[in-house]
Amino acid sequence: MNYRTLGRTGWKVSEISFGAWAIGGTWGNVDDNESLAALNKALDLGVNFFDTADVYGDGRSEQLLAKLKKERREEFHIATKAGRRLNPHTAEGYNKKNLTSFIERSLKKLNTEAIDLLQLHCPPTEVFYNPEVFGILDDLVKEGKLLNYGVSVEKIEEALKAIEFPNVKTVQIIFNMFRQRPADLFFEQAKKKQIGILARVPLSSGMLTGKFTKDSKFEDDDHRKFNRNGEDFDKGETFSGVDYNLSLKAVEELKAVCPKGMSLTQFALKWILMFDAVTCAIPGAKRPIQAEENISASDFPALSEQSMNDVKSIYEKYIKKNVHHLW
């Protein structure tokens, strides 16, 4: 495992880390014992950074991480998120009372006195233009409830606005072979301000594993079935906002250019790591074997210029015109 510095936190974190959305819920059936086995396997293989949120299984994945922390001696960092408990999810809801309530709930679920990294959870765009919200987070740091804070965003505009606030230390953003726009401008600006970047949805909801077909079925409680068109939350969170059948066509071409000795999963994750602005990718894993395959991507040598050009060509052929301008 290789490690990179997470912005101004000063932490050295595993460049392949662990996203805990899938072990919380909305990804079909999940077994807590299997989830804990996946978390333990990740820790065994050098992962020291885990990303979760208070709404993943209504706190289920936060509690699993608390259990992991209790059972293992290794030091690791946990990032969680707040804001999506709001119903309706409005900018006005990002006030001191609500944020404090969410954070105190997470402190209990995580069984800790201070949250390592708290991220606003893809709030409405207006929130990023409200300095008072970030002032509330500053106060929570002063109170000792947060060690650091950052944001999770849907849009490049939101990411660029967020890093104008001096104490925002990290940005979590969708970045993968099917969502390449962050590399155009945002990465350059983030590097100037020493912002840690967490690349989420790195495997495009599993599409970039190459394991799906036009006949693949998803369970009713899996967002890959119920959120294809953004029915429940932002469309871009499910298969990167790319049409399912179009994605399959692009994946077939990616398989054809995948370097020998690598799975498509490893290729997709290594591609992300080729961008030095990225601190870590945070793929999910419901089973130990998935965690192992994800983490192994760190050990491969750098991709060739030809491989990078191949990915760019396939993106431009199939994907760019459909998603590049939207987020």
C-alpha atoms as a PDB file:
ATOM      1  CA  MET A   1       0.000   0.000   0.000  1.00  0.00           C
ATOM      2  CA  ASN A   2       1.147   3.496  -0.838  1.00  0.00           C
ATOM      3  CA  TYR A   3       0.210   6.533   1.248  1.00  0.00           C
ATOM      4  CA  ARG A   4      -0.465  10.163   0.393  1.00  0.00           C
ATOM      5  CA  THR A   5      -0.830  13.266   2.546  1.00  0.00           C
ATOM      6  CA  LEU A   6      -4.465  14.265   3.055  1.00  0.00           C
ATOM      7  CA  GLY A   7      -4.220  17.977   2.436  1.00  0.00           C
ATOM      8  CA  ARG A   8      -3.515  20.141   5.457  1.00  0.00           C
ATOM      9  CA  THR A   9      -4.632  17.483   7.933  1.00  0.00           C
ATOM     10  CA  GLY A  10      -1.068  16.178   7.745  1.00  0.00           C
ATOM     11  CA  TRP A  11      -2.339  12.587   7.825  1.00  0.00           C
ATOM     12  CA  LYS A  12      -0.693  10.010   5.599  1.00  0.00           C
ATOM     13  CA  VAL A  13      -3.615   7.952   4.314  1.00  0.00           C
ATOM     14  CA  SER A  14      -3.821   4.852   2.160  1.00  0.00           C
ATOM     15  CA  GLU A  15      -4.272   5.828  -1.484  1.00  0.00           C
ATOM     16  CA  ILE A  16      -6.908   3.115  -1.752  1.00  0.00           C
ATOM     17  CA  SER A  17      -9.139   3.630   1.230  1.00  0.00           C
ATOM     18  CA  PHE A  18     -12.605   2.283   2.091  1.00  0.00           C
ATOM     19  CA  GLY A  19     -16.016   3.761   1.330  1.00  0.00           C
ATOM     20  CA  ALA A  20     -18.638   2.449   3.736  1.00  0.00           C
ATOM     21  CA  TRP A  21     -21.850   3.335   1.893  1.00  0.00           C
ATOM     22  CA  ALA A  22     -22.408  -0.202   0.631  1.00  0.00           C
ATOM     23  CA  ILE A  23     -22.127  -1.797   4.072  1.00  0.00           C
ATOM     24  CA  GLY A  24     -24.734   0.628   5.406  1.00  0.00           C
ATOM     25  CA  GLY A  25     -27.534   0.163   2.921  1.00  0.00           C
ATOM     26  CA  THR A  26     -29.192   0.891  -0.449  1.00  0.00           C
ATOM     27  CA  TRP A  27     -26.864  -1.571  -2.191  1.00  0.00           C
ATOM     28  CA  GLY A  28     -29.002  -4.700  -1.788  1.00  0.00           C
ATOM     29  CA  ASN A  29     -28.599  -7.305   0.921  1.00  0.00           C
ATOM     30  CA  VAL A  30     -25.716  -6.805   3.312  1.00  0.00           C
ATOM     31  CA  ASP A  31     -24.543  -8.965   6.204  1.00  0.00           C
ATOM     32  CA  ASP A  32     -22.857  -7.263   9.169  1.00  0.00           C
ATOM     33  CA  ASN A  33     -20.481 -10.150   9.818  1.00  0.00           C
ATOM     34  CA  GLU A  34     -19.364 -10.125   6.193  1.00  0.00           C
ATOM     35  CA  SER A  35     -19.050  -6.345   6.302  1.00  0.00           C
ATOM     36  CA  LEU A  36     -16.827  -6.563   9.387  1.00  0.00           C
ATOM     37  CA  ALA A  37     -14.729  -9.197   7.636  1.00  0.00           C
ATOM     38  CA  ALA A  38     -14.281  -6.785   4.700  1.00  0.00           C
ATOM     39  CA  LEU A  39     -13.309  -3.960   7.082  1.00  0.00           C
ATOM     40  CA  ASN A  40     -10.815  -6.189   8.884  1.00  0.00           C
ATOM     41  CA  LYS A  41      -9.324  -7.350   5.587  1.00  0.00           C
ATOM     42  CA  ALA A  42      -8.886  -3.726   4.507  1.00  0.00           C
ATOM     43  CA  LEU A  43      -7.108  -2.930   7.755  1.00  0.00           C
ATOM     44  CA  ASP A  44      -4.915  -6.013   7.376  1.00  0.00           C
ATOM     45  CA  LEU A  45      -3.847  -4.820   3.921  1.00  0.00           C
ATOM     46  CA  GLY A  46      -2.842  -1.328   5.022  1.00  0.00           C
ATOM     47  CA  VAL A  47      -5.996   0.759   4.712  1.00  0.00           C
ATOM     48  CA  ASN A  48      -6.029   3.448   7.394  1.00  0.00           C
ATOM     49  CA  PHE A  49      -8.849   5.716   6.218  1.00  0.00           C
ATOM     50  CA  PHE A  50     -12.556   4.874   6.165  1.00  0.00           C
ATOM     51  CA  ASP A  51     -15.325   7.108   4.835  1.00  0.00           C
ATOM     52  CA  THR A  52     -18.921   6.849   6.017  1.00  0.00           C
ATOM     53  CA  ALA A  53     -22.007   9.002   6.668  1.00  0.00           C
ATOM     54  CA  ASP A  54     -24.728   9.252   9.281  1.00  0.00           C
ATOM     55  CA  VAL A  55     -27.380   8.206   6.747  1.00  0.00           C
ATOM     56  CA  TYR A  56     -25.665   5.034   5.553  1.00  0.00           C
ATOM     57  CA  GLY A  57     -28.066   2.511   6.996  1.00  0.00           C
ATOM     58  CA  ASP A  58     -29.233   5.198   9.451  1.00  0.00           C
ATOM     59  CA  GLY A  59     -25.915   4.968  11.284  1.00  0.00           C
ATOM     60  CA  ARG A  60     -25.307   1.275  10.636  1.00  0.00           C
ATOM     61  CA  SER A  61     -21.939   1.725   8.959  1.00  0.00           C
ATOM     62  CA  GLU A  62     -20.807   4.238  11.616  1.00  0.00           C
ATOM     63  CA  GLN A  63     -21.518   1.582  14.256  1.00  0.00           C
ATOM     64  CA  LEU A  64     -19.618  -1.072  12.305  1.00  0.00           C
ATOM     65  CA  LEU A  65     -16.600   1.227  12.172  1.00  0.00           C
ATOM     66  CA  ALA A  66     -16.892   1.882  15.904  1.00  0.00           C
ATOM     67  CA  LYS A  67     -16.836  -1.878  16.440  1.00  0.00           C
ATOM     68  CA  LEU A  68     -13.749  -2.190  14.243  1.00  0.00           C
ATOM     69  CA  LYS A  69     -12.031   0.568  16.241  1.00  0.00           C
ATOM     70  CA  LYS A  70     -12.821  -1.206  19.481  1.00  0.00           C
ATOM     71  CA  GLU A  71     -11.559  -4.594  18.308  1.00  0.00           C
ATOM     72  CA  ARG A  72      -8.358  -3.544  16.559  1.00  0.00           C
ATOM     73  CA  ARG A  73      -5.237  -1.866  17.911  1.00  0.00           C
ATOM     74  CA  GLU A  74      -4.171  -0.222  14.667  1.00  0.00           C
ATOM     75  CA  GLU A  75      -4.603   3.522  14.340  1.00  0.00           C
ATOM     76  CA  PHE A  76      -6.923   4.635  11.547  1.00  0.00           C
ATOM     77  CA  HIS A  77      -9.016   7.638  10.614  1.00  0.00           C
ATOM     78  CA  ILE A  78     -12.787   7.784  10.160  1.00  0.00           C
ATOM     79  CA  ALA A  79     -14.496  10.465   8.098  1.00  0.00           C
ATOM     80  CA  THR A  80     -18.245  10.853   8.331  1.00  0.00           C
ATOM     81  CA  LYS A  81     -20.814  13.240   6.862  1.00  0.00           C
ATOM     82  CA  ALA A  82     -23.772  15.301   8.004  1.00  0.00           C
ATOM     83  CA  GLY A  83     -26.705  17.042   6.372  1.00  0.00           C
ATOM     84  CA  ARG A  84     -28.672  14.423   4.502  1.00  0.00           C
ATOM     85  CA  ARG A  85     -30.816  13.650   7.536  1.00  0.00           C
ATOM     86  CA  LEU A  86     -32.658  16.869   6.730  1.00  0.00           C
ATOM     87  CA  ASN A  87     -36.153  16.341   5.349  1.00  0.00           C
ATOM     88  CA  PRO A  88     -36.721  18.372   3.339  1.00  0.00           C
ATOM     89  CA  HIS A  89     -33.065  18.707   2.384  1.00  0.00           C
ATOM     90  CA  THR A  90     -32.829  22.503   2.150  1.00  0.00           C
ATOM     91  CA  ALA A  91     -30.080  25.072   2.573  1.00  0.00           C
ATOM     92  CA  GLU A  92     -31.983  26.594   5.513  1.00  0.00           C
ATOM     93  CA  GLY A  93     -31.592  23.311   7.385  1.00  0.00           C
ATOM     94  CA  TYR A  94     -27.827  23.764   7.588  1.00  0.00           C
ATOM     95  CA  ASN A  95     -28.028  25.709  10.825  1.00  0.00           C
ATOM     96  CA  LYS A  96     -26.265  25.384  14.176  1.00  0.00           C
ATOM     97  CA  LYS A  97     -29.060  23.455  15.881  1.00  0.00           C
ATOM     98  CA  ASN A  98     -29.353  20.813  13.170  1.00  0.00           C
ATOM     99  CA  LEU A  99     -25.643  20.385  12.464  1.00  0.00           C
ATOM    100  CA  THR A 100     -24.839  20.113  16.162  1.00  0.00           C
ATOM    101  CA  SER A 101     -27.578  17.527  16.584  1.00  0.00           C
ATOM    102  CA  PHE A 102     -26.316  15.443  13.640  1.00  0.00           C
ATOM    103  CA  ILE A 103     -22.726  15.599  14.827  1.00  0.00           C
ATOM    104  CA  GLU A 104     -23.584  14.622  18.394  1.00  0.00           C
ATOM    105  CA  ARG A 105     -25.517  11.663  17.024  1.00  0.00           C
ATOM    106  CA  SER A 106     -22.479  10.578  14.983  1.00  0.00           C
ATOM    107  CA  LEU A 107     -20.209  10.962  18.003  1.00  0.00           C
ATOM    108  CA  LYS A 108     -22.401   8.441  19.829  1.00  0.00           C
ATOM    109  CA  LYS A 109     -22.615   6.047  16.876  1.00  0.00           C
ATOM    110  CA  LEU A 110     -18.840   6.193  16.395  1.00  0.00           C
ATOM    111  CA  ASN A 111     -18.251   5.978  20.149  1.00  0.00           C
ATOM    112  CA  THR A 112     -15.750   8.823  20.093  1.00  0.00           C
ATOM    113  CA  GLU A 113     -15.256  12.246  21.641  1.00  0.00           C
ATOM    114  CA  ALA A 114     -14.206  13.963  18.418  1.00  0.00           C
ATOM    115  CA  ILE A 115     -14.847  13.226  14.750  1.00  0.00           C
ATOM    116  CA  ASP A 116     -11.611  12.961  12.762  1.00  0.00           C
ATOM    117  CA  LEU A 117     -13.105  14.528   9.629  1.00  0.00           C
ATOM    118  CA  LEU A 118     -16.660  15.802   9.231  1.00  0.00           C
ATOM    119  CA  GLN A 119     -17.912  16.510   5.719  1.00  0.00           C
ATOM    120  CA  LEU A 120     -21.024  18.407   4.701  1.00  0.00           C
ATOM    121  CA  HIS A 121     -22.964  15.779   2.765  1.00  0.00           C
ATOM    122  CA  CYS A 122     -23.632  17.172  -0.716  1.00  0.00           C
ATOM    123  CA  PRO A 123     -25.671  20.147   0.497  1.00  0.00           C
ATOM    124  CA  PRO A 124     -27.664  22.398  -1.841  1.00  0.00           C
ATOM    125  CA  THR A 125     -25.448  24.753  -3.834  1.00  0.00           C
ATOM    126  CA  GLU A 126     -26.627  27.783  -1.817  1.00  0.00           C
ATOM    127  CA  VAL A 127     -24.897  26.404   1.279  1.00  0.00           C
ATOM    128  CA  PHE A 128     -21.496  26.963  -0.316  1.00  0.00           C
ATOM    129  CA  TYR A 129     -22.301  30.682  -0.569  1.00  0.00           C
ATOM    130  CA  ASN A 130     -23.207  30.965   3.113  1.00  0.00           C
ATOM    131  CA  PRO A 131     -20.180  31.747   5.320  1.00  0.00           C
ATOM    132  CA  GLU A 132     -22.281  31.221   8.456  1.00  0.00           C
ATOM    133  CA  VAL A 133     -22.396  27.467   7.826  1.00  0.00           C
ATOM    134  CA  PHE A 134     -18.625  27.242   7.782  1.00  0.00           C
ATOM    135  CA  GLY A 135     -18.494  29.443  10.870  1.00  0.00           C
ATOM    136  CA  ILE A 136     -20.644  26.865  12.655  1.00  0.00           C
ATOM    137  CA  LEU A 137     -18.126  24.172  11.722  1.00  0.00           C
ATOM    138  CA  ASP A 138     -15.293  26.377  12.999  1.00  0.00           C
ATOM    139  CA  ASP A 139     -17.127  26.655  16.325  1.00  0.00           C
ATOM    140  CA  LEU A 140     -17.567  22.882  16.510  1.00  0.00           C
ATOM    141  CA  VAL A 141     -13.816  22.481  15.992  1.00  0.00           C
ATOM    142  CA  LYS A 142     -13.195  24.937  18.832  1.00  0.00           C
ATOM    143  CA  GLU A 143     -15.580  22.942  21.021  1.00  0.00           C
ATOM    144  CA  GLY A 144     -13.525  19.816  20.342  1.00  0.00           C
ATOM    145  CA  LYS A 145     -16.282  17.886  18.567  1.00  0.00           C
ATOM    146  CA  LEU A 146     -14.492  17.966  15.218  1.00  0.00           C
ATOM    147  CA  LEU A 147     -10.780  17.700  14.461  1.00  0.00           C
ATOM    148  CA  ASN A 148     -11.128  18.689  10.799  1.00  0.00           C
ATOM    149  CA  TYR A 149     -13.879  19.401   8.314  1.00  0.00           C
ATOM    150  CA  GLY A 150     -14.422  19.286   4.584  1.00  0.00           C
ATOM    151  CA  VAL A 151     -17.203  18.905   2.042  1.00  0.00           C
ATOM    152  CA  SER A 152     -18.699  16.311  -0.237  1.00  0.00           C
ATOM    153  CA  VAL A 153     -19.985  17.871  -3.449  1.00  0.00           C
ATOM    154  CA  GLU A 154     -21.919  17.071  -6.595  1.00  0.00           C
ATOM    155  CA  LYS A 155     -20.669  19.912  -8.798  1.00  0.00           C
ATOM    156  CA  ILE A 156     -17.336  21.457  -9.727  1.00  0.00           C
ATOM    157  CA  GLU A 157     -18.801  24.888  -8.940  1.00  0.00           C
ATOM    158  CA  GLU A 158     -19.474  23.745  -5.370  1.00  0.00           C
ATOM    159  CA  ALA A 159     -15.972  22.355  -4.978  1.00  0.00           C
ATOM    160  CA  LEU A 160     -14.342  25.559  -6.189  1.00  0.00           C
ATOM    161  CA  LYS A 161     -16.522  27.684  -3.914  1.00  0.00           C
ATOM    162  CA  ALA A 162     -15.927  25.447  -0.879  1.00  0.00           C
ATOM    163  CA  ILE A 163     -12.158  25.745  -1.021  1.00  0.00           C
ATOM    164  CA  GLU A 164     -12.442  29.533  -0.719  1.00  0.00           C
ATOM    165  CA  PHE A 165     -13.232  28.930   2.960  1.00  0.00           C
ATOM    166  CA  PRO A 166      -9.860  28.742   4.723  1.00  0.00           C
ATOM    167  CA  ASN A 167     -10.599  25.826   7.051  1.00  0.00           C
ATOM    168  CA  VAL A 168     -12.046  23.454   4.470  1.00  0.00           C
ATOM    169  CA  LYS A 169      -9.341  20.792   4.275  1.00  0.00           C
ATOM    170  CA  THR A 170     -10.877  18.133   2.034  1.00  0.00           C
ATOM    171  CA  VAL A 171     -13.250  17.766  -0.893  1.00  0.00           C
ATOM    172  CA  GLN A 172     -14.966  14.524  -1.753  1.00  0.00           C
ATOM    173  CA  ILE A 173     -16.053  14.407  -5.385  1.00  0.00           C
ATOM    174  CA  ILE A 174     -17.064  11.860  -8.004  1.00  0.00           C
ATOM    175  CA  PHE A 175     -14.034  11.110 -10.148  1.00  0.00           C
ATOM    176  CA  ASN A 176     -13.602   8.052 -12.315  1.00  0.00           C
ATOM    177  CA  MET A 177     -13.103   6.964 -15.920  1.00  0.00           C
ATOM    178  CA  PHE A 178     -16.682   8.123 -16.656  1.00  0.00           C
ATOM    179  CA  ARG A 179     -16.506  11.415 -14.713  1.00  0.00           C
ATOM    180  CA  GLN A 180     -13.287  13.149 -15.720  1.00  0.00           C
ATOM    181  CA  ARG A 181     -14.189  16.825 -15.461  1.00  0.00           C
ATOM    182  CA  PRO A 182     -12.633  17.430 -11.990  1.00  0.00           C
ATOM    183  CA  ALA A 183      -9.194  17.031 -13.583  1.00  0.00           C
ATOM    184  CA  ASP A 184      -9.805  19.985 -15.938  1.00  0.00           C
ATOM    185  CA  LEU A 185      -9.632  22.868 -13.461  1.00  0.00           C
ATOM    186  CA  PHE A 186     -10.518  21.820  -9.940  1.00  0.00           C
ATOM    187  CA  PHE A 187      -7.495  19.609  -9.308  1.00  0.00           C
ATOM    188  CA  GLU A 188      -5.114  22.443 -10.147  1.00  0.00           C
ATOM    189  CA  GLN A 189      -6.899  24.835  -7.783  1.00  0.00           C
ATOM    190  CA  ALA A 190      -7.076  22.234  -5.008  1.00  0.00           C
ATOM    191  CA  LYS A 191      -3.337  21.555  -5.224  1.00  0.00           C
ATOM    192  CA  LYS A 192      -2.597  25.266  -4.826  1.00  0.00           C
ATOM    193  CA  LYS A 193      -4.525  25.294  -1.550  1.00  0.00           C
ATOM    194  CA  GLN A 194      -3.321  21.882  -0.332  1.00  0.00           C
ATOM    195  CA  ILE A 195      -6.798  20.382  -0.346  1.00  0.00           C
ATOM    196  CA  GLY A 196      -7.151  16.656   0.199  1.00  0.00           C
ATOM    197  CA  ILE A 197      -9.269  15.026  -2.521  1.00  0.00           C
ATOM    198  CA  LEU A 198     -11.332  11.896  -1.909  1.00  0.00           C
ATOM    199  CA  ALA A 199     -12.416  10.300  -5.189  1.00  0.00           C
ATOM    200  CA  ARG A 200     -15.793   8.726  -4.621  1.00  0.00           C
ATOM    201  CA  VAL A 201     -17.866   6.430  -6.856  1.00  0.00           C
ATOM    202  CA  PRO A 202     -14.489   5.330  -8.271  1.00  0.00           C
ATOM    203  CA  LEU A 203     -15.950   2.215  -9.896  1.00  0.00           C
ATOM    204  CA  SER A 204     -19.097   3.950 -11.173  1.00  0.00           C
ATOM    205  CA  SER A 205     -21.392   1.996  -8.840  1.00  0.00           C
ATOM    206  CA  GLY A 206     -19.692  -1.241  -9.863  1.00  0.00           C
ATOM    207  CA  MET A 207     -20.022  -0.675 -13.609  1.00  0.00           C
ATOM    208  CA  LEU A 208     -16.237  -0.354 -13.946  1.00  0.00           C
ATOM    209  CA  THR A 209     -15.716  -3.803 -12.454  1.00  0.00           C
ATOM    210  CA  GLY A 210     -16.875  -5.125 -15.825  1.00  0.00           C
ATOM    211  CA  LYS A 211     -19.169  -7.653 -14.130  1.00  0.00           C
ATOM    212  CA  PHE A 212     -22.535  -6.309 -15.290  1.00  0.00           C
ATOM    213  CA  THR A 213     -24.500  -7.177 -18.443  1.00  0.00           C
ATOM    214  CA  LYS A 214     -27.730  -5.918 -19.963  1.00  0.00           C
ATOM    215  CA  ASP A 215     -29.470  -8.723 -18.059  1.00  0.00           C
ATOM    216  CA  SER A 216     -28.023  -7.944 -14.617  1.00  0.00           C
ATOM    217  CA  LYS A 217     -30.699  -7.601 -11.931  1.00  0.00           C
ATOM    218  CA  PHE A 218     -30.585  -5.415  -8.833  1.00  0.00           C
ATOM    219  CA  GLU A 219     -32.594  -5.771  -5.650  1.00  0.00           C
ATOM    220  CA  ASP A 220     -35.450  -3.383  -4.891  1.00  0.00           C
ATOM    221  CA  ASP A 221     -33.478  -1.664  -2.106  1.00  0.00           C
ATOM    222  CA  ASP A 222     -30.443  -1.124  -4.334  1.00  0.00           C
ATOM    223  CA  HIS A 223     -30.063   2.444  -5.631  1.00  0.00           C
ATOM    224  CA  ARG A 224     -28.789   0.981  -8.894  1.00  0.00           C
ATOM    225  CA  LYS A 225     -32.400  -0.076  -9.464  1.00  0.00           C
ATOM    226  CA  PHE A 226     -34.424   2.749  -7.920  1.00  0.00           C
ATOM    227  CA  ASN A 227     -32.245   5.809  -8.605  1.00  0.00           C
ATOM    228  CA  ARG A 228     -31.245   5.390 -12.267  1.00  0.00           C
ATOM    229  CA  ASN A 229     -32.812   8.734 -13.161  1.00  0.00           C
ATOM    230  CA  GLY A 230     -32.270  10.540  -9.873  1.00  0.00           C
ATOM    231  CA  GLU A 231     -35.622   9.567  -8.376  1.00  0.00           C
ATOM    232  CA  ASP A 232     -34.301   9.534  -4.799  1.00  0.00           C
ATOM    233  CA  PHE A 233     -31.068  11.577  -4.855  1.00  0.00           C
ATOM    234  CA  ASP A 234     -28.680  13.055  -7.385  1.00  0.00           C
ATOM    235  CA  LYS A 235     -28.620  11.012 -10.575  1.00  0.00           C
ATOM    236  CA  GLY A 236     -24.847  11.328 -10.793  1.00  0.00           C
ATOM    237  CA  GLU A 237     -24.387   9.117  -7.723  1.00  0.00           C
ATOM    238  CA  THR A 238     -25.750   6.082  -9.593  1.00  0.00           C
ATOM    239  CA  PHE A 239     -23.585   4.746 -12.431  1.00  0.00           C
ATOM    240  CA  SER A 240     -22.018   8.235 -12.544  1.00  0.00           C
ATOM    241  CA  GLY A 241     -25.189   9.542 -14.174  1.00  0.00           C
ATOM    242  CA  VAL A 242     -24.384   7.636 -17.383  1.00  0.00           C
ATOM    243  CA  ASP A 243     -27.046   5.596 -19.177  1.00  0.00           C
ATOM    244  CA  TYR A 244     -26.695   1.929 -18.222  1.00  0.00           C
ATOM    245  CA  ASN A 245     -26.528   0.498 -21.735  1.00  0.00           C
ATOM    246  CA  LEU A 246     -24.158   3.214 -22.917  1.00  0.00           C
ATOM    247  CA  SER A 247     -21.902   2.399 -19.970  1.00  0.00           C
ATOM    248  CA  LEU A 248     -21.858  -1.255 -21.008  1.00  0.00           C
ATOM    249  CA  LYS A 249     -20.628  -0.307 -24.482  1.00  0.00           C
ATOM    250  CA  ALA A 250     -17.834   1.828 -23.054  1.00  0.00           C
ATOM    251  CA  VAL A 251     -16.880  -0.923 -20.599  1.00  0.00           C
ATOM    252  CA  GLU A 252     -16.446  -3.425 -23.425  1.00  0.00           C
ATOM    253  CA  GLU A 253     -13.935  -1.098 -25.063  1.00  0.00           C
ATOM    254  CA  LEU A 254     -12.171  -0.526 -21.751  1.00  0.00           C
ATOM    255  CA  LYS A 255     -11.837  -4.283 -21.320  1.00  0.00           C
ATOM    256  CA  ALA A 256     -10.126  -4.446 -24.709  1.00  0.00           C
ATOM    257  CA  VAL A 257      -7.452  -1.936 -23.641  1.00  0.00           C
ATOM    258  CA  CYS A 258      -7.073  -3.108 -20.036  1.00  0.00           C
ATOM    259  CA  PRO A 259      -3.379  -3.866 -19.384  1.00  0.00           C
ATOM    260  CA  LYS A 260      -2.467  -7.534 -19.151  1.00  0.00           C
ATOM    261  CA  GLY A 261      -2.406  -8.879 -15.632  1.00  0.00           C
ATOM    262  CA  MET A 262      -4.933  -6.323 -14.344  1.00  0.00           C
ATOM    263  CA  SER A 263      -8.637  -6.702 -13.756  1.00  0.00           C
ATOM    264  CA  LEU A 264     -10.871  -3.879 -14.974  1.00  0.00           C
ATOM    265  CA  THR A 265     -11.434  -2.949 -11.322  1.00  0.00           C
ATOM    266  CA  GLN A 266      -7.706  -2.571 -10.756  1.00  0.00           C
ATOM    267  CA  PHE A 267      -7.307  -0.641 -14.012  1.00  0.00           C
ATOM    268  CA  ALA A 268     -10.099   1.789 -13.053  1.00  0.00           C
ATOM    269  CA  LEU A 269      -8.654   2.435  -9.605  1.00  0.00           C
ATOM    270  CA  LYS A 270      -5.077   2.756 -10.826  1.00  0.00           C
ATOM    271  CA  TRP A 271      -6.271   5.260 -13.428  1.00  0.00           C
ATOM    272  CA  ILE A 272      -7.554   7.490 -10.615  1.00  0.00           C
ATOM    273  CA  LEU A 273      -4.260   7.203  -8.752  1.00  0.00           C
ATOM    274  CA  MET A 274      -2.382   8.500 -11.800  1.00  0.00           C
ATOM    275  CA  PHE A 275      -3.634  11.986 -10.839  1.00  0.00           C
ATOM    276  CA  ASP A 276      -1.378  13.323  -8.109  1.00  0.00           C
ATOM    277  CA  ALA A 277      -4.014  15.806  -6.924  1.00  0.00           C
ATOM    278  CA  VAL A 278      -6.067  12.861  -5.678  1.00  0.00           C
ATOM    279  CA  THR A 279      -5.287  11.760  -2.132  1.00  0.00           C
ATOM    280  CA  CYS A 280      -7.257   8.532  -2.206  1.00  0.00           C
ATOM    281  CA  ALA A 281      -9.983   6.607  -3.957  1.00  0.00           C
ATOM    282  CA  ILE A 282     -12.694   5.224  -1.680  1.00  0.00           C
ATOM    283  CA  PRO A 283     -14.249   2.140  -3.308  1.00  0.00           C
ATOM    284  CA  GLY A 284     -16.768   0.181  -1.279  1.00  0.00           C
ATOM    285  CA  ALA A 285     -16.636  -3.524  -0.478  1.00  0.00           C
ATOM    286  CA  LYS A 286     -19.257  -5.783   1.045  1.00  0.00           C
ATOM    287  CA  ARG A 287     -16.968  -8.825   1.122  1.00  0.00           C
ATOM    288  CA  PRO A 288     -13.269  -9.378   1.907  1.00  0.00           C
ATOM    289  CA  ILE A 289     -12.476 -10.558  -1.632  1.00  0.00           C
ATOM    290  CA  GLN A 290     -13.773  -7.258  -3.020  1.00  0.00           C
ATOM    291  CA  ALA A 291     -11.676  -5.277  -0.555  1.00  0.00           C
ATOM    292  CA  GLU A 292      -8.613  -7.291  -1.518  1.00  0.00           C
ATOM    293  CA  GLU A 293      -9.070  -6.684  -5.249  1.00  0.00           C
ATOM    294  CA  ASN A 294      -9.627  -2.952  -4.715  1.00  0.00           C
ATOM    295  CA  ILE A 295      -6.598  -2.524  -2.480  1.00  0.00           C
ATOM    296  CA  SER A 296      -4.280  -4.439  -4.810  1.00  0.00           C
ATOM    297  CA  ALA A 297      -4.588  -1.612  -7.359  1.00  0.00           C
ATOM    298  CA  SER A 298      -2.124   0.388  -5.270  1.00  0.00           C
ATOM    299  CA  ASP A 299       0.640  -2.144  -5.925  1.00  0.00           C
ATOM    300  CA  PHE A 300       0.613  -1.980  -9.724  1.00  0.00           C
ATOM    301  CA  PRO A 301       3.147   0.148 -11.591  1.00  0.00           C
ATOM    302  CA  ALA A 302       2.082   3.409 -13.193  1.00  0.00           C
ATOM    303  CA  LEU A 303      -0.117   3.119 -16.268  1.00  0.00           C
ATOM    304  CA  SER A 304       1.463   3.828 -19.631  1.00  0.00           C
ATOM    305  CA  GLU A 305       0.768   6.955 -21.626  1.00  0.00           C
ATOM    306  CA  GLN A 306      -0.961   4.700 -24.161  1.00  0.00           C
ATOM    307  CA  SER A 307      -3.340   3.362 -21.505  1.00  0.00           C
ATOM    308  CA  MET A 308      -4.190   6.864 -20.320  1.00  0.00           C
ATOM    309  CA  ASN A 309      -4.843   7.955 -23.915  1.00  0.00           C
ATOM    310  CA  ASP A 310      -7.024   4.893 -24.506  1.00  0.00           C
ATOM    311  CA  VAL A 311      -9.227   5.788 -21.538  1.00  0.00           C
ATOM    312  CA  LYS A 312      -9.477   9.388 -22.702  1.00  0.00           C
ATOM    313  CA  SER A 313     -10.515   8.301 -26.200  1.00  0.00           C
ATOM    314  CA  ILE A 314     -13.230   5.980 -24.914  1.00  0.00           C
ATOM    315  CA  TYR A 315     -14.520   8.710 -22.589  1.00  0.00           C
ATOM    316  CA  GLU A 316     -14.685  11.178 -25.438  1.00  0.00           C
ATOM    317  CA  LYS A 317     -16.358   8.665 -27.734  1.00  0.00           C
ATOM    318  CA  TYR A 318     -19.119   7.501 -25.406  1.00  0.00           C
ATOM    319  CA  ILE A 319     -19.403   9.521 -22.240  1.00  0.00           C
ATOM    320  CA  LYS A 320     -18.226  13.129 -22.404  1.00  0.00           C
ATOM    321  CA  LYS A 321     -21.116  14.683 -24.300  1.00  0.00           C
ATOM    322  CA  ASN A 322     -23.610  13.090 -21.908  1.00  0.00           C
ATOM    323  CA  VAL A 323     -22.144  14.039 -18.524  1.00  0.00           C
ATOM    324  CA  HIS A 324     -19.174  16.419 -18.735  1.00  0.00           C
ATOM    325  CA  HIS A 325     -21.239  19.612 -18.612  1.00  0.00           C
ATOM    326  CA  LEU A 326     -23.736  18.444 -15.980  1.00  0.00           C
ATOM    327  CA  TRP A 327     -21.584  18.292 -12.850  1.00  0.00           C
END
